[in-house]
Each structure stands twice: as C-alpha cells, then as structure tokens.
Protein backbone atom coordinates (compact mmCIF):
# COMPACT_ATOMS: atom_id res chain seq x y z
CA MET A 1 -221.97 -104.94 173.89
CA GLY A 2 -218.97 -106.32 172.11
CA PHE A 3 -217.08 -106.39 168.67
CA ILE A 4 -218.46 -108.79 165.85
CA LYS A 5 -216.56 -110.20 163.40
CA LYS A 6 -217.89 -110.25 160.06
CA SER A 7 -217.32 -112.76 157.75
CA SER A 8 -217.79 -113.23 153.97
CA SER A 9 -219.84 -115.67 152.50
CA SER A 10 -221.02 -116.91 149.39
CA SER A 11 -224.99 -116.72 150.17
CA SER A 12 -226.02 -113.19 148.71
CA THR A 13 -228.38 -112.97 151.55
CA THR A 14 -226.28 -113.26 154.13
CA ALA A 15 -223.52 -111.24 152.14
CA ARG A 16 -226.44 -108.07 152.27
CA ASN A 17 -226.78 -108.94 156.12
CA ASN A 18 -223.01 -108.95 156.62
CA ASN A 19 -222.82 -105.22 155.46
CA VAL A 20 -225.68 -104.06 158.05
CA VAL A 21 -224.48 -102.27 160.57
CA PRO A 22 -226.09 -102.07 164.12
CA LYS A 23 -227.60 -98.33 165.32
CA GLY A 24 -224.71 -97.19 167.50
CA HIS A 25 -221.92 -99.41 165.98
CA CYS A 26 -219.67 -98.61 163.25
CA ALA A 27 -217.43 -100.86 160.62
CA VAL A 28 -213.53 -100.88 160.39
CA TYR A 29 -210.88 -102.69 158.15
CA VAL A 30 -208.20 -104.21 160.12
CA GLY A 31 -204.90 -105.56 159.12
CA GLU A 32 -201.57 -104.80 157.75
CA SER A 33 -201.62 -105.56 153.95
CA GLN A 34 -204.23 -104.34 151.61
CA GLN A 35 -205.52 -107.92 150.63
CA LYS A 36 -205.88 -109.49 154.16
CA LYS A 37 -208.10 -106.96 155.94
CA GLN A 38 -210.82 -108.25 157.87
CA ARG A 39 -213.77 -106.18 158.49
CA TYR A 40 -215.37 -105.49 161.96
CA VAL A 41 -218.34 -104.07 163.51
CA ILE A 42 -217.40 -102.20 166.74
CA PRO A 43 -219.71 -99.96 169.35
CA ILE A 44 -219.20 -96.31 168.72
CA THR A 45 -218.33 -95.74 172.43
CA TYR A 46 -214.75 -97.52 171.96
CA LEU A 47 -214.16 -94.52 169.51
CA SER A 48 -213.45 -92.15 172.39
CA GLN A 49 -211.43 -94.35 174.55
CA PRO A 50 -207.48 -93.67 174.71
CA LEU A 51 -206.59 -97.16 173.47
CA PHE A 52 -208.79 -96.77 170.28
CA GLN A 53 -207.58 -93.31 169.91
CA ASP A 54 -203.93 -94.41 169.40
CA LEU A 55 -205.30 -97.06 166.54
CA LEU A 56 -207.24 -93.69 165.02
CA THR A 57 -203.75 -91.57 165.42
CA LYS A 58 -202.02 -94.63 163.36
CA ALA A 59 -204.73 -94.96 161.22
CA GLU A 60 -204.67 -90.69 160.47
CA GLU A 61 -200.76 -91.15 159.98
CA GLU A 62 -201.33 -93.65 157.54
CA PHE A 63 -204.15 -92.81 155.36
CA GLY A 64 -204.91 -89.11 156.31
CA PHE A 65 -208.91 -88.92 155.55
CA SER A 66 -208.82 -91.30 152.53
CA HIS A 67 -209.69 -94.85 153.25
CA PRO A 68 -208.68 -96.95 150.33
CA MET A 69 -211.58 -99.39 151.77
CA GLY A 70 -214.62 -97.32 151.86
CA GLY A 71 -214.21 -97.27 155.84
CA LEU A 72 -212.11 -96.56 158.98
CA THR A 73 -208.92 -98.81 157.75
CA ILE A 74 -206.79 -99.35 161.08
CA PRO A 75 -203.60 -100.61 159.85
CA CYS A 76 -202.61 -102.83 162.32
CA CYS A 77 -201.75 -106.58 162.90
CA GLU A 78 -205.12 -108.20 163.79
CA HIS A 79 -204.28 -109.56 166.89
CA VAL A 80 -203.47 -106.69 168.61
CA PHE A 81 -206.72 -104.98 167.31
CA VAL A 82 -208.45 -108.04 169.32
CA ASP A 83 -206.71 -107.54 172.29
CA ILE A 84 -207.42 -103.97 172.51
CA ALA A 85 -211.05 -104.67 171.64
CA SER A 86 -211.32 -107.43 174.20
CA ARG A 87 -210.09 -104.61 176.73
CA LEU A 88 -212.31 -101.86 175.70
CA ASN A 89 -215.44 -104.63 175.97
CA ARG A 90 -214.66 -104.95 179.40
CA ILE A 91 -214.68 -101.30 180.34
CA CYS A 92 -217.09 -99.99 177.84
C-alpha cells in the first residue's frame, strides 16, 4: 500500500478523520521549516528500509528523541521525501 498525504480541512469531521492512522501505518511530519511541515501517513514497512533509515538518521541528528510536532519529524525537502516514498512503494 502506498503513502497517503494528509491535508487539513475546516470541517471538524474531516479534521478528525485526518488524525486517524490506519493499522500498519504511522504518521510522519516532513519539511525543512517548522511552519511548512506536511503530515504523511506511511506503511510501517518503510521504517526498516535502508532509504528510509537514512531519513531517520537525519531526523535523529537534528531532533534526537524530542520531536517538536508531537510525532516523528523528518527534516528534508518534501519532494525528496515523496521521491523516496515512491521508490519504497515499488519495493515494499
């Protein structure tokens, strides 16, 4: 299953549904600046892949185990993350 980009909405029902993470997935926040982080829901199988492990190492170097967004934060350009997620989608 591929990754899912979550978007915000003014509808409270949609906003509640956007916070739901399906079983077998996890939410990550992606972006270089604090104000422009985008939330993605990805399959947990990505976490064990070497490409994704590189992103996790970068996140650990920048944030340690304290993630300001309240979830796993990956400090990279969104287009880089989407490219990596697309590659992982083909192999997972």
